[in-house]
Each structure stands twice: as C-alpha cells, then as structure tokens.
C-alpha cells in the first residue's frame, strides 16, 4: 500500500513531468520529456544548478560512441560488452546492462544533435584496466565537451555550480599535454586565468553548462533552486506530484505523467553511508544537498532498494584542508598524491598494501577485514612522502615551496620520528621505505606493480620519469597525513528500477508515476566495478529513458 502526502486542495504548479534534482540525469530527463511533448519543471534542493556532475571531471564513458566512428576508428561492440562484463564482476542485471550499452551511444548522439552538446573524444586516455582486461580500448571511449562559454546561461550564469576539485577552464587533452595532475608546476596558469576571467568552462562545469542551457534557456523549462522535495503525493496508488518546500512554505507541484527522482545518493547522510558503505567513517566531495532523499522519498511509498558490492565503486581516500567549505559545510578533497613519485601509502603497521597509483586496486584492500583481530588492518591508510616530492609536486593546494601547517601535514626529520607522530609502527615504516627505495631507484615496484596501468601513468604520474609513478623516498624531512574515505556520490545502495527507469515496489511491480536515474538508482546496470564516466553515462541514459517514457504514458 503506497503511503505519502495526500492530494492537496490546490496545486501551486501543474506540469506533466517533475524532475527532482538538476544533475545530468534530471536535466536529460527534462530534455527528453520536453522533446516528447510534455511540460516539465525542475526542482533543485541546492542553491545552484548542476548537481554532483558539475563537480566531476565531466567524463562520459560510452563504448561504441559516434565520435569514435566519425574519427574513422569505430569501437568493437564485442569488445565493449566484454569490458563492461568484466567490470560488472557478475553483479549486473543482464537486461539493464544490455539497455545501457545499447541506448547510451544513442542518447549521446541525441543530445549533441538536438540539445547542442558539443562532444569530443579525449585523446590518448585509456580505459582503466587497459591492457590487462578483456575488451579494453587504448583511447576513444571517454567523451568530454568542448569548452563552454558561461555567458550563454544568461540569468543562470551565477546560479550554476563550478568545481572545487578539477582544474578550471581546460579540457582533459590540455591537462594531459601539460603532464597530468602530478605536474601542476607545468600547467599554463596564464591561459587558465584568462579563461576563468571570461567564465570559459571545461570538464564537469562545462558539460553541465551545455545541459543547463538546453533546459532553462533553449527550452525555457522552469527550474526552482532551494526547493527541496519533502514527500511524494500519491492518489489511488499512483505518484501524481510532490510536496516541496519553497521559502519556508509548502510548494505543491502536480506531475500529470511522472516524477523523476534524480537526487543523487546519500553521501551526506552519515547513518546511511556508514550502514551501506561499511566503513568506520564517511565524508564526501559532493555538495551537502546529497542526503539520501532517494531512499527517504522512495521508502515512504514502498520502493524496493537494491545494492551492488561496495568495495570497488567510485570513491577515494582524501583529507580536508581546515577552513575550506562549500555551501557552508566542510569540503573534502580526494588524494591523488599516492600515485606521484616519491610517495607511498602504508597502514598502521607501516606496511604498503597496494598499488597506490590505481584506486581500483586500493579500494578493496583498504576495506579488507581481519576476522581474527576483528578490524580493518589497512584502515586508515597514511600518505607518506619526502622532500624530493615537496620540491617537485603539490600537496592539496600547497605548491612546491609553500609550507603546509602541521595540522594539515605532519613533518619529521626521519621516517621513525614521522611514524611516532602519526601513530604508525616505526620499525614497520623504516623497513617499508628501505625496501621500496631499493627498487624505486630503478623505477620498479615488484611488490605491487605500480606504474603498470597506463591510466594511472596518465592521470597521476610524471611522464618525465622512466616509471611515471615510482620514485624513492630518500631525502628528509619526511611528511605524512592520515587519509579518510571521501565519497563522490556513487553509492552501493539505491532504488531498484526496471528497463524504463521506473522504480519498483518491494513486491516487484513498478510504482506508477515514479522513476529514478543516476546515482539515485541502484547500479544494477553496471554491477560490482567502476570506470570513470560510467556514473555520468548512467545518469544521462536512464534520465533520457525516464523522461521519454513518462511523457508518453
């Protein structure tokens, strides 16, 4: 029996389709519904449009995309299916996986042809597991957008999110041409500064700029920020609208054909995150508005939840620089530094346990559980590096030559003294660094094969070195920081959906009038693994299918 807010005596706004959220899923749903003849409204809880996608790198991972074909190097469908099947690890729903694979390229082409999204392939950017897994491609499957002029958003220009996490005003091609994340001292900051001054956007903000323009400017779809949806309105077993909050008062919006939940996951709901992600603590790189509204709103009407294994999805370990905030809450940053030369990760015993340059490898190992000692032996991890690192590479926002305060970064003359400061076993850390250095001077890592994944070399390596990801720690002083889990909104639990993106009831049937997409929906289409750009692909594809289906019911 569905239970939620009763139908009000008067609606404040009446449309065919209500899109809850303003990320890639919500806005693609709005485009699809509008283009199918429906009237649409977008309701956003946060003070700006763009959602988690605006904080991202703006990569969309699309096997067999049309840009590859246009470049004369079409993808192999068999290879694409093999790779996605490898990532899924046996945990994907075959029907949903097949729909995502088939429809993703079509949706990418549609938004280019009908919504003005200017896609381009990211050059020389390999799949995560290239060349070690079946079906991987050396380049071509990542799409990003051409640079976007923020002035095209008119009155919405200042009401859209930029990213605190990715370099502003550039493309991936430029980032990689300058050496990647490690070699920040080689970036063209003069060019970046000119583009930022002109509000020229790349990566996540650029991608969302195109979609926001397509919705609120080109299609004149009304969007309401600071308008959280508090409950679904149900009439005779069907979701017919929402009870939102606007200016402190109820704001009832009728949805004659459907409500699309594209609220994201539960990164800022500590209880849900700790229960479902199964780590002792949880922090987030996302906006504070990502609080598990999908679970709450769906739960009130009997929606089924589904999960995929949490150990290898999209998340990182990182830190917080005191004083940094977004929307009035603490801002956490992902740590890429473990993949730079002259840096390692260790556990409390002072031992390495992973390839620090490749987060697909370190995530499950940090989560490892010792059933005899009843704890996580590799949690928390500690980032350790030396003065050679500090002379060449940045830590967080501290460039080479800039002193980082002790509360941010511990410092000591020797590894043993650093270990004592951080609560690490001193003998273990000394032995680990000694062994690591023995091979690192030759650019080798026989223990974990660091530098063997081209993706890691491109993203976090210094390609001026024989092994872009390896360098010894042999110059004091030494530095270290305890790392904490930082989510990016890609959670292991979400609403269960069917092949039309309709939310399923706990008894198995679709709930009439209710859809979910993006991170609000369980990742049953991709399963137990992750590849950057898959989350954006999921949001865009299922958002389109949800909006189209709702408009035609």
Protein backbone atom coordinates (compact mmCIF):
# COMPACT_ATOMS: atom_id res chain seq x y z
CA UNK A 1 0.00 0.00 0.00
CA UNK A 2 1.51 3.32 -1.05
CA UNK A 3 1.57 5.93 1.68
CA UNK A 4 2.68 9.52 1.22
CA UNK A 5 1.31 13.05 1.23
CA UNK A 6 -2.36 13.29 0.25
CA UNK A 7 -3.51 15.27 -2.75
CA UNK A 8 -3.69 18.95 -1.77
CA UNK A 9 -6.75 21.11 -2.19
CA UNK A 10 -4.73 23.31 -4.58
CA UNK A 11 -1.59 22.81 -6.63
CA UNK A 12 0.94 25.64 -6.79
CA UNK A 13 2.29 24.41 -10.13
CA UNK A 14 0.98 21.81 -12.60
CA UNK A 15 3.14 20.10 -15.24
CA UNK A 16 3.38 16.69 -16.86
CA UNK A 17 6.82 15.68 -15.55
CA UNK A 18 8.67 16.81 -12.43
CA UNK A 19 12.44 16.26 -12.38
CA UNK A 20 13.83 16.24 -8.84
CA UNK A 21 17.45 17.34 -8.98
CA UNK A 22 19.49 19.22 -11.58
CA UNK A 23 22.40 16.96 -12.42
CA UNK A 24 22.94 15.10 -15.67
CA UNK A 25 20.12 12.62 -15.05
CA UNK A 26 17.49 15.18 -14.14
CA UNK A 27 18.31 17.54 -16.99
CA UNK A 28 18.48 14.81 -19.62
CA UNK A 29 15.10 13.61 -18.37
CA UNK A 30 13.79 17.15 -18.73
CA UNK A 31 15.11 17.39 -22.30
CA UNK A 32 13.63 14.03 -23.29
CA UNK A 33 10.23 14.72 -21.73
CA UNK A 34 10.00 18.20 -23.25
CA UNK A 35 11.00 16.96 -26.69
CA UNK A 36 8.33 14.26 -26.47
CA UNK A 37 5.69 16.94 -25.94
CA UNK A 38 5.41 17.09 -22.15
CA UNK A 39 5.53 20.13 -19.90
CA UNK A 40 8.34 19.91 -17.33
CA UNK A 41 9.59 21.50 -14.12
CA UNK A 42 12.96 21.05 -12.42
CA UNK A 43 13.16 21.23 -8.63
CA UNK A 44 16.60 21.53 -7.04
CA UNK A 45 17.33 21.35 -3.32
CA UNK A 46 20.69 23.14 -3.55
CA UNK A 47 21.17 26.87 -4.18
CA UNK A 48 22.61 26.27 -7.67
CA UNK A 49 22.03 24.02 -10.68
CA UNK A 50 24.37 21.30 -11.89
CA UNK A 51 24.37 18.67 -9.18
CA UNK A 52 27.24 16.32 -8.47
CA UNK A 53 28.04 16.16 -12.21
CA UNK A 54 29.19 19.79 -12.12
CA UNK A 55 31.81 18.82 -9.53
CA UNK A 56 33.09 15.96 -11.71
CA UNK A 57 35.66 15.73 -14.46
CA UNK A 58 32.79 15.70 -16.94
CA UNK A 59 33.85 12.40 -18.48
CA UNK A 60 31.16 10.21 -20.04
CA UNK A 61 32.30 6.67 -20.80
CA UNK A 62 30.47 5.46 -23.92
CA UNK A 63 31.51 2.31 -25.72
CA UNK A 64 30.76 2.46 -29.46
CA UNK A 65 30.16 6.21 -29.34
CA UNK A 66 29.59 8.10 -32.59
CA UNK A 67 32.67 10.27 -32.19
CA UNK A 68 34.91 7.23 -32.48
CA UNK A 69 33.16 6.26 -35.70
CA UNK A 70 33.42 9.81 -37.07
CA UNK A 71 37.17 9.71 -36.41
CA UNK A 72 37.47 6.59 -38.52
CA UNK A 73 38.23 4.28 -35.59
CA UNK A 74 34.90 2.69 -34.64
CA UNK A 75 34.69 0.70 -31.44
CA UNK A 76 34.05 -3.02 -31.34
CA UNK A 77 30.67 -3.90 -29.76
CA UNK A 78 32.02 -7.30 -28.75
CA UNK A 79 34.99 -5.70 -27.02
CA UNK A 80 32.82 -3.11 -25.29
CA UNK A 81 30.48 -5.75 -23.92
CA UNK A 82 33.41 -7.86 -22.78
CA UNK A 83 34.96 -4.97 -20.86
CA UNK A 84 31.72 -3.87 -19.18
CA UNK A 85 31.05 -7.51 -18.29
CA UNK A 86 34.50 -7.71 -16.74
CA UNK A 87 33.81 -4.60 -14.65
CA UNK A 88 30.42 -5.93 -13.54
CA UNK A 89 32.02 -8.98 -11.94
CA UNK A 90 28.81 -10.99 -12.30
CA UNK A 91 26.70 -8.49 -10.36
CA UNK A 92 24.95 -6.65 -13.22
CA UNK A 93 21.36 -7.29 -14.23
CA UNK A 94 21.69 -8.58 -17.83
CA UNK A 95 18.60 -6.75 -19.09
CA UNK A 96 19.60 -3.39 -17.62
CA UNK A 97 23.21 -3.80 -18.73
CA UNK A 98 22.09 -4.52 -22.29
CA UNK A 99 19.82 -1.46 -22.35
CA UNK A 100 22.58 0.81 -21.04
CA UNK A 101 25.03 -0.50 -23.63
CA UNK A 102 22.56 -0.13 -26.49
CA UNK A 103 20.98 3.19 -25.54
CA UNK A 104 24.00 5.07 -24.19
CA UNK A 105 25.53 5.86 -27.59
CA UNK A 106 22.11 6.83 -28.97
CA UNK A 107 21.46 9.26 -26.14
CA UNK A 108 24.94 10.80 -26.52
CA UNK A 109 24.23 11.39 -30.20
CA UNK A 110 20.72 12.73 -29.47
CA UNK A 111 21.86 15.42 -27.04
CA UNK A 112 24.53 16.51 -29.49
CA UNK A 113 22.09 16.78 -32.41
CA UNK A 114 19.07 18.12 -30.51
CA UNK A 115 20.44 19.83 -27.38
CA UNK A 116 23.63 21.42 -28.69
CA UNK A 117 26.05 19.39 -26.54
CA UNK A 118 29.44 19.53 -28.26
CA UNK A 119 31.15 16.21 -27.54
CA UNK A 120 34.72 15.29 -28.32
CA UNK A 121 36.77 12.18 -27.60
CA UNK A 122 39.50 12.62 -25.00
CA UNK A 123 42.73 11.80 -26.82
CA UNK A 124 45.16 9.15 -25.57
CA UNK A 125 43.09 8.35 -22.49
CA UNK A 126 42.93 4.57 -21.91
CA UNK A 127 40.24 2.54 -20.18
CA UNK A 128 41.04 1.95 -16.51
CA UNK A 129 42.13 -1.66 -16.99
CA UNK A 130 43.87 -1.33 -20.36
CA UNK A 131 45.62 -3.54 -21.42
CA UNK A 132 45.11 -6.07 -18.63
CA UNK A 133 41.39 -6.84 -19.01
CA UNK A 134 39.35 -8.23 -21.91
CA UNK A 135 37.85 -5.74 -24.34
CA UNK A 136 39.75 -2.66 -23.19
CA UNK A 137 40.50 0.22 -25.55
CA UNK A 138 43.61 2.37 -25.66
CA UNK A 139 41.59 5.51 -26.38
CA UNK A 140 38.26 6.84 -27.65
CA UNK A 141 35.60 5.71 -25.18
CA UNK A 142 35.79 8.79 -22.97
CA UNK A 143 33.72 11.73 -24.16
CA UNK A 144 34.02 15.24 -22.81
CA UNK A 145 32.64 18.55 -24.08
CA UNK A 146 34.27 21.37 -25.95
CA UNK A 147 34.81 24.44 -23.76
CA UNK A 148 31.58 26.22 -22.81
CA UNK A 149 31.01 29.97 -22.53
CA UNK A 150 29.24 30.58 -19.21
CA UNK A 151 27.69 33.80 -20.52
CA UNK A 152 25.33 31.67 -22.61
CA UNK A 153 23.45 30.88 -19.39
CA UNK A 154 22.18 34.44 -19.04
CA UNK A 155 20.48 34.95 -15.67
CA UNK A 156 21.54 31.44 -14.60
CA UNK A 157 25.27 32.08 -15.08
CA UNK A 158 25.90 32.73 -11.38
CA UNK A 159 23.39 30.12 -10.25
CA UNK A 160 25.29 27.11 -11.57
CA UNK A 161 28.00 25.12 -9.81
CA UNK A 162 31.66 25.28 -10.68
CA UNK A 163 34.00 22.61 -9.32
CA UNK A 164 36.45 22.93 -6.43
CA UNK A 165 38.03 19.60 -7.40
CA UNK A 166 39.10 19.81 -11.06
CA UNK A 167 41.33 22.36 -12.87
CA UNK A 168 39.14 25.22 -14.16
CA UNK A 169 38.69 26.30 -17.75
CA UNK A 170 40.55 23.49 -19.51
CA UNK A 171 39.96 20.17 -21.27
CA UNK A 172 41.44 16.79 -20.43
CA UNK A 173 43.55 17.00 -23.57
CA UNK A 174 45.20 20.16 -22.26
CA UNK A 175 45.66 18.72 -18.78
CA UNK A 176 47.40 15.64 -20.16
CA UNK A 177 49.51 17.69 -22.57
CA UNK A 178 50.80 19.60 -19.53
CA UNK A 179 51.69 16.33 -17.79
CA UNK A 180 48.60 15.46 -15.71
CA UNK A 181 47.72 16.06 -12.09
CA UNK A 182 51.20 15.47 -10.69
CA UNK A 183 53.00 18.09 -12.75
CA UNK A 184 50.99 21.12 -11.71
CA UNK A 185 54.07 23.34 -11.95
CA UNK A 186 53.98 22.86 -15.75
CA UNK A 187 50.37 23.94 -16.22
CA UNK A 188 49.60 27.05 -18.25
CA UNK A 189 48.14 29.16 -15.47
CA UNK A 190 48.13 32.29 -17.61
CA UNK A 191 45.79 30.60 -20.08
CA UNK A 192 43.66 29.18 -17.28
CA UNK A 193 43.41 32.60 -15.66
CA UNK A 194 42.21 34.24 -18.88
CA UNK A 195 39.55 31.59 -19.35
CA UNK A 196 38.35 31.78 -15.76
CA UNK A 197 38.05 35.58 -16.08
CA UNK A 198 35.86 35.07 -19.15
CA UNK A 199 33.92 32.21 -17.49
CA UNK A 200 35.02 29.68 -20.09
CA UNK A 201 34.23 26.29 -18.59
CA UNK A 202 35.58 22.80 -19.12
CA UNK A 203 35.17 19.39 -17.51
CA UNK A 204 32.11 19.00 -15.25
CA UNK A 205 31.03 22.66 -15.21
CA UNK A 206 31.40 22.80 -19.00
CA UNK A 207 29.36 19.65 -19.55
CA UNK A 208 26.60 20.83 -17.25
CA UNK A 209 26.70 24.27 -18.87
CA UNK A 210 25.53 22.72 -22.14
CA UNK A 211 22.76 20.74 -20.44
CA UNK A 212 21.59 23.64 -18.27
CA UNK A 213 21.45 25.88 -21.32
CA UNK A 214 19.47 23.26 -23.24
CA UNK A 215 16.91 23.09 -20.42
CA UNK A 216 16.44 26.57 -18.92
CA UNK A 217 17.46 28.76 -21.89
CA UNK A 218 16.70 26.89 -25.11
CA UNK A 219 13.57 25.07 -23.86
CA UNK A 220 12.56 27.63 -21.22
CA UNK A 221 11.83 24.85 -18.73
CA UNK A 222 11.23 26.38 -15.29
CA UNK A 223 13.84 25.46 -12.69
CA UNK A 224 13.50 26.21 -9.00
CA UNK A 225 16.59 26.18 -6.74
CA UNK A 226 16.44 25.97 -2.95
CA UNK A 227 13.25 23.97 -3.40
CA UNK A 228 13.75 20.60 -1.67
CA UNK A 229 11.16 17.90 -2.28
CA UNK A 230 9.91 16.66 1.09
CA UNK A 231 7.37 14.00 0.05
CA UNK A 232 5.70 12.35 -2.90
CA UNK A 233 1.99 12.91 -3.45
CA UNK A 234 0.04 9.70 -4.10
CA UNK A 235 -3.50 9.34 -5.41
CA UNK A 236 -5.14 5.91 -5.74
CA UNK A 237 -1.84 4.06 -5.90
CA UNK A 238 -0.09 6.44 -8.33
CA UNK A 239 2.53 9.11 -7.71
CA UNK A 240 0.90 12.29 -9.01
CA UNK A 241 3.16 15.03 -7.71
CA UNK A 242 5.41 16.26 -4.93
CA UNK A 243 5.25 18.34 -1.80
CA UNK A 244 8.27 20.60 -1.95
CA UNK A 245 9.38 23.46 0.26
CA UNK A 246 9.97 26.92 -1.08
CA UNK A 247 10.74 29.96 1.02
CA UNK A 248 9.82 28.02 4.15
CA UNK A 249 6.32 27.14 2.90
CA UNK A 250 4.83 24.09 1.21
CA UNK A 251 5.02 24.14 -2.57
CA UNK A 252 2.85 21.52 -4.25
CA UNK A 253 3.70 20.54 -7.81
CA UNK A 254 1.44 18.25 -9.79
CA UNK A 255 3.06 15.74 -12.14
CA UNK A 256 0.39 14.51 -14.51
CA UNK A 257 2.65 11.90 -16.10
CA UNK A 258 5.51 11.20 -13.73
CA UNK A 259 8.10 12.21 -11.14
CA UNK A 260 11.78 11.50 -11.91
CA UNK A 261 13.98 11.17 -8.82
CA UNK A 262 17.49 12.27 -9.76
CA UNK A 263 18.55 13.43 -6.31
CA UNK A 264 21.85 11.58 -6.17
CA UNK A 265 22.82 9.25 -3.34
CA UNK A 266 23.32 9.59 0.41
CA UNK A 267 26.89 10.87 0.86
CA UNK A 268 25.89 13.44 3.48
CA UNK A 269 23.60 11.10 5.42
CA UNK A 270 26.10 9.69 7.90
CA UNK A 271 23.82 6.91 9.14
CA UNK A 272 23.01 5.60 5.66
CA UNK A 273 26.60 5.96 4.45
CA UNK A 274 28.10 4.05 7.36
CA UNK A 275 25.46 1.33 7.19
CA UNK A 276 25.62 0.77 3.45
CA UNK A 277 29.26 1.57 2.63
CA UNK A 278 30.59 -0.39 5.61
CA UNK A 279 33.49 1.78 6.68
CA UNK A 280 34.11 3.28 10.13
CA UNK A 281 33.65 6.83 8.83
CA UNK A 282 32.45 8.59 5.71
CA UNK A 283 32.98 12.01 4.20
CA UNK A 284 32.13 13.45 0.81
CA UNK A 285 33.42 15.56 -2.04
CA UNK A 286 29.81 16.28 -3.10
CA UNK A 287 27.53 19.17 -2.29
CA UNK A 288 25.87 18.88 1.14
CA UNK A 289 22.45 18.58 -0.53
CA UNK A 290 23.18 14.91 -1.34
CA UNK A 291 21.50 13.46 1.74
CA UNK A 292 19.72 10.27 0.69
CA UNK A 293 16.45 11.82 -0.43
CA UNK A 294 16.09 8.97 -2.92
CA UNK A 295 15.95 6.46 -0.06
CA UNK A 296 13.58 8.54 2.07
CA UNK A 297 11.15 9.56 -0.66
CA UNK A 298 11.13 6.12 -2.22
CA UNK A 299 10.84 4.36 1.13
CA UNK A 300 7.67 6.24 2.03
CA UNK A 301 5.90 4.78 -1.00
CA UNK A 302 7.21 1.23 -0.65
CA UNK A 303 10.10 1.42 -3.13
CA UNK A 304 12.49 -1.50 -3.25
CA UNK A 305 16.18 -0.98 -2.60
CA UNK A 306 18.96 -2.85 -4.37
CA UNK A 307 22.69 -2.96 -3.88
CA UNK A 308 25.89 -3.88 -5.59
CA UNK A 309 29.11 -4.69 -3.69
CA UNK A 310 30.54 -1.57 -2.12
CA UNK A 311 34.22 -2.46 -2.30
CA UNK A 312 35.09 -1.24 -5.81
CA UNK A 313 32.79 1.61 -6.80
CA UNK A 314 33.59 5.29 -7.36
CA UNK A 315 35.14 6.77 -4.23
CA UNK A 316 38.53 7.87 -2.98
CA UNK A 317 40.52 8.49 0.17
CA UNK A 318 41.48 12.02 0.96
CA UNK A 319 41.62 14.81 3.50
CA UNK A 320 40.23 18.19 4.49
CA UNK A 321 42.11 21.46 4.50
CA UNK A 322 40.80 23.39 7.55
CA UNK A 323 38.64 26.34 6.59
CA UNK A 324 37.62 25.04 3.16
CA UNK A 325 33.84 24.81 2.76
CA UNK A 326 31.13 24.50 0.14
CA UNK A 327 27.57 25.65 0.78
CA UNK A 328 28.54 26.20 4.40
CA UNK A 329 29.76 22.65 5.08
CA UNK A 330 33.26 21.11 5.22
CA UNK A 331 34.90 20.46 1.85
CA UNK A 332 36.85 17.21 1.48
CA UNK A 333 39.37 16.58 -1.29
CA UNK A 334 40.45 13.33 -2.94
CA UNK A 335 44.10 12.43 -2.58
CA UNK A 336 45.80 11.62 -5.88
CA UNK A 337 49.24 12.10 -4.37
CA UNK A 338 49.80 8.41 -3.64
CA UNK A 339 50.39 7.86 -7.34
CA UNK A 340 53.07 10.55 -7.62
CA UNK A 341 56.77 9.60 -7.47
CA UNK A 342 58.41 9.75 -4.02
CA UNK A 343 55.15 8.86 -2.23
CA UNK A 344 53.62 5.70 -0.77
CA UNK A 345 50.68 4.56 1.32
CA UNK A 346 51.10 2.49 4.48
CA UNK A 347 48.80 1.04 7.12
CA UNK A 348 49.17 1.33 10.90
CA UNK A 349 51.85 -1.37 10.80
CA UNK A 350 53.86 0.85 8.48
CA UNK A 351 53.46 -1.58 5.59
CA UNK A 352 52.45 -0.96 1.98
CA UNK A 353 49.45 -2.99 0.88
CA UNK A 354 48.52 -1.84 -2.64
CA UNK A 355 49.36 -0.05 -5.85
CA UNK A 356 48.77 3.48 -4.59
CA UNK A 357 48.50 4.94 -8.09
CA UNK A 358 45.37 2.97 -9.06
CA UNK A 359 42.31 3.42 -6.89
CA UNK A 360 40.59 0.38 -8.38
CA UNK A 361 43.25 -1.65 -6.62
CA UNK A 362 43.49 0.15 -3.32
CA UNK A 363 39.78 0.45 -2.53
CA UNK A 364 39.06 -3.21 -1.76
CA UNK A 365 42.37 -3.56 0.06
CA UNK A 366 41.63 -0.66 2.40
CA UNK A 367 38.29 -2.34 3.17
CA UNK A 368 39.91 -5.72 3.92
CA UNK A 369 38.68 -7.30 7.16
CA UNK A 370 40.73 -9.42 9.58
CA UNK A 371 38.30 -11.90 11.10
CA UNK A 372 40.71 -12.93 13.82
CA UNK A 373 41.52 -9.43 15.05
CA UNK A 374 38.09 -8.04 14.15
CA UNK A 375 39.29 -4.92 12.45
CA UNK A 376 40.40 -3.40 9.14
CA UNK A 377 44.18 -3.99 9.04
CA UNK A 378 44.71 -1.40 6.28
CA UNK A 379 42.40 1.25 7.69
CA UNK A 380 43.16 4.06 7.97
CA UNK A 381 45.78 4.48 5.26
CA UNK A 382 48.55 7.05 5.61
CA UNK A 383 50.14 9.02 2.77
CA UNK A 384 53.91 9.33 3.22
CA UNK A 385 56.37 11.31 1.07
CA UNK A 386 59.76 13.01 1.27
CA UNK A 387 61.40 16.33 0.45
CA UNK A 388 62.05 15.28 -3.16
CA UNK A 389 58.28 15.11 -3.53
CA UNK A 390 57.76 18.52 -1.93
CA UNK A 391 60.36 20.10 -4.21
CA UNK A 392 58.56 18.88 -7.36
CA UNK A 393 54.88 18.27 -6.67
CA UNK A 394 51.96 19.90 -4.89
CA UNK A 395 50.13 18.56 -1.87
CA UNK A 396 46.48 19.66 -1.93
CA UNK A 397 46.59 23.42 -2.55
CA UNK A 398 50.17 23.77 -1.26
CA UNK A 399 52.54 24.23 -4.18
CA UNK A 400 56.24 23.33 -4.04
CA UNK A 401 57.98 25.80 -1.77
CA UNK A 402 54.82 26.59 0.21
CA UNK A 403 54.80 25.47 3.83
CA UNK A 404 51.82 23.37 4.89
CA UNK A 405 50.77 23.82 8.53
CA UNK A 406 51.42 20.95 10.94
CA UNK A 407 47.69 20.46 11.48
CA UNK A 408 47.43 19.61 7.77
CA UNK A 409 50.65 17.74 7.13
CA UNK A 410 52.89 16.11 9.76
CA UNK A 411 56.61 16.65 9.30
CA UNK A 412 59.68 15.00 10.81
CA UNK A 413 63.40 14.64 10.14
CA UNK A 414 63.29 10.85 9.82
CA UNK A 415 60.72 8.16 8.94
CA UNK A 416 60.87 6.89 12.53
CA UNK A 417 60.03 10.29 14.01
CA UNK A 418 57.21 10.71 11.48
CA UNK A 419 55.80 7.30 12.37
CA UNK A 420 55.65 8.25 16.05
CA UNK A 421 53.78 11.46 15.20
CA UNK A 422 51.20 9.64 13.07
CA UNK A 423 50.71 6.58 15.29
CA UNK A 424 52.37 4.19 12.82
CA UNK A 425 54.71 1.37 13.80
CA UNK A 426 58.20 2.95 13.45
CA UNK A 427 60.04 -0.29 12.68
CA UNK A 428 57.49 -1.18 10.04
CA UNK A 429 57.71 2.20 8.30
CA UNK A 430 61.50 2.18 8.26
CA UNK A 431 61.60 -1.32 6.81
CA UNK A 432 58.97 -0.48 4.19
CA UNK A 433 60.75 2.64 2.95
CA UNK A 434 64.08 0.80 2.85
CA UNK A 435 62.62 -1.98 0.70
CA UNK A 436 60.65 0.40 -1.53
CA UNK A 437 63.72 2.54 -2.19
CA UNK A 438 65.85 -0.46 -3.14
CA UNK A 439 63.71 -0.99 -6.25
CA UNK A 440 62.36 2.56 -6.76
CA UNK A 441 65.77 3.93 -7.75
CA UNK A 442 65.39 1.72 -10.85
CA UNK A 443 61.73 2.65 -11.33
CA UNK A 444 60.49 -0.74 -10.20
CA UNK A 445 57.83 -1.98 -7.79
CA UNK A 446 57.97 -5.79 -7.65
CA UNK A 447 55.55 -5.90 -4.71
CA UNK A 448 52.51 -4.25 -6.32
CA UNK A 449 53.45 -3.42 -9.91
CA UNK A 450 52.96 0.29 -9.54
CA UNK A 451 53.15 2.04 -12.91
CA UNK A 452 51.81 -0.92 -14.87
CA UNK A 453 48.43 0.69 -15.62
CA UNK A 454 48.61 3.34 -18.38
CA UNK A 455 45.57 5.14 -16.93
CA UNK A 456 47.45 5.75 -13.68
CA UNK A 457 50.51 6.98 -15.55
CA UNK A 458 48.39 9.49 -17.49
CA UNK A 459 46.41 10.73 -14.50
CA UNK A 460 48.83 10.74 -11.58
CA UNK A 461 52.26 10.04 -12.99
CA UNK A 462 55.20 12.18 -14.01
CA UNK A 463 55.94 11.06 -17.55
CA UNK A 464 59.42 12.58 -17.46
CA UNK A 465 60.49 9.59 -15.34
CA UNK A 466 61.22 6.01 -16.53
CA UNK A 467 58.33 4.85 -14.36
CA UNK A 468 55.91 7.78 -14.07
CA UNK A 469 54.50 6.55 -10.76
CA UNK A 470 57.64 5.50 -8.88
CA UNK A 471 60.44 7.41 -7.15
CA UNK A 472 62.39 6.74 -3.92
CA UNK A 473 61.73 8.39 -0.56
CA UNK A 474 65.33 9.15 0.39
CA UNK A 475 65.53 12.85 1.29
CA UNK A 476 64.40 14.27 4.59
CA UNK A 477 62.41 15.78 6.02
CA UNK A 478 59.51 13.35 5.64
CA UNK A 479 55.81 14.18 5.52
CA UNK A 480 52.60 12.29 6.21
CA UNK A 481 48.85 12.55 6.63
CA UNK A 482 46.08 10.21 7.74
CA UNK A 483 43.56 9.70 4.93
CA UNK A 484 39.80 9.30 5.28
CA UNK A 485 37.16 7.93 2.88
CA UNK A 486 35.62 10.58 0.62
CA UNK A 487 32.64 9.65 -1.49
CA UNK A 488 31.76 11.12 -4.87
CA UNK A 489 28.07 10.25 -4.67
CA UNK A 490 28.43 6.81 -6.27
CA UNK A 491 26.88 4.61 -3.62
CA UNK A 492 26.33 0.87 -3.34
CA UNK A 493 22.60 1.10 -2.50
CA UNK A 494 19.88 2.82 -4.50
CA UNK A 495 16.32 2.48 -5.71
CA UNK A 496 15.59 -0.62 -7.76
CA UNK A 497 14.44 0.27 -11.28
CA UNK A 498 13.25 -1.55 -14.39
CA UNK A 499 14.06 -1.22 -18.09
CA UNK A 500 12.04 2.02 -18.36
CA UNK A 501 13.73 3.54 -15.26
CA UNK A 502 10.50 3.03 -13.28
CA UNK A 503 11.01 2.49 -9.55
CA UNK A 504 9.99 -0.97 -8.39
CA UNK A 505 7.79 -1.58 -5.36
CA UNK A 506 9.03 -4.02 -2.71
CA UNK A 507 6.51 -6.53 -4.16
CA UNK A 508 8.17 -6.30 -7.57
CA UNK A 509 5.80 -4.23 -9.70
CA UNK A 510 6.66 -0.76 -10.99
CA UNK A 511 5.28 2.09 -8.90
CA UNK A 512 3.02 4.06 -11.28
CA UNK A 513 4.30 7.55 -11.95
CA UNK A 514 7.69 7.17 -10.25
CA UNK A 515 11.09 6.99 -11.98
CA UNK A 516 14.70 7.16 -10.82
CA UNK A 517 18.02 7.66 -12.58
CA UNK A 518 21.66 8.48 -11.97
CA UNK A 519 23.03 7.83 -8.52
CA UNK A 520 19.50 7.73 -7.07
CA UNK A 521 19.04 4.37 -8.81
CA UNK A 522 20.97 1.25 -7.85
CA UNK A 523 23.85 0.46 -10.20
CA UNK A 524 22.39 -2.87 -11.28
CA UNK A 525 23.25 -2.00 -14.88
CA UNK A 526 27.00 -1.81 -14.21
CA UNK A 527 27.45 -4.15 -11.25
CA UNK A 528 30.42 -4.53 -8.94
CA UNK A 529 33.02 -2.41 -10.69
CA UNK A 530 33.54 1.11 -11.85
CA UNK A 531 35.08 3.08 -14.68
CA UNK A 532 35.20 6.87 -14.57
CA UNK A 533 32.45 8.27 -16.77
CA UNK A 534 30.06 5.37 -16.12
CA UNK A 535 28.13 7.30 -13.49
CA UNK A 536 27.57 10.15 -15.96
CA UNK A 537 26.61 7.65 -18.66
CA UNK A 538 24.06 6.05 -16.33
CA UNK A 539 22.52 9.39 -15.39
CA UNK A 540 22.27 10.63 -18.95
CA UNK A 541 20.94 7.37 -20.43
CA UNK A 542 18.36 6.43 -17.80
CA UNK A 543 17.34 10.08 -17.41
CA UNK A 544 16.54 10.16 -21.11
CA UNK A 545 14.60 6.88 -20.95
CA UNK A 546 12.70 8.02 -17.86
CA UNK A 547 11.71 11.38 -19.34
CA UNK A 548 10.71 9.83 -22.64
CA UNK A 549 8.64 7.04 -21.05
CA UNK A 550 6.91 9.39 -18.61
CA UNK A 551 5.98 11.82 -21.38
CA UNK A 552 4.40 9.05 -23.43
CA UNK A 553 2.33 7.42 -20.71
